């Protein structure tokens, strides 16, 4: 058991694997950005997703945040192809069927303007004459590629996906590719999360 726990948040760029081991030379991993021994991501973000990643060496906290039965909130800004109608948003809010699984109800709203985000490298593929829109989606579970599967299921494929918060933690003033230790108040809130949902 480590005597000293570390808790850091990282603004993961597009194209970075949520792991420290490099499977092939062409993969960029967390070790290209974070030089801290024995911390591991809580949950994951796919290589083609961006945003907030929490890392710690506290296995108990890792378990609590990653386990779906505790139902901790994660919020994403999701750029989709075309403008979702009310029917699609209602379906996302109620939960949609992806393969043999129905997602839990989610908080979903259409953002009135594009969020302030750094440019993605490489940029998303724009299609002439096909508008895009941004959704804010808050989930309490994290199935494999869930947000992408949900928006596809209602006919609005995801073009860009950025996680902006986990529980009380958010990107705030963190720059793309940067990390920092959690503040004392952030840690207190994290440790005082309900033990069950």
Foldseek 3Di string as FASTA:
>chain_A
DDPDKFKKKAWEAAQEFQDDDDPDPVGHYCVVQDDDPQWHWLDTDHNRATEITMIMNPVVLSCQQQDLQQQWKWKKKWKWKADDDPVLQVDQQCFDDQPNDTFHGKDKDWDPDDDDDDAHVVHFDDDPPIDMTIMMIMGRHDDDVVVQRSCVRSPIGTRYMYTADTHPDGCPPPHHSDMDTDDPVVVVSSVPRDSGD
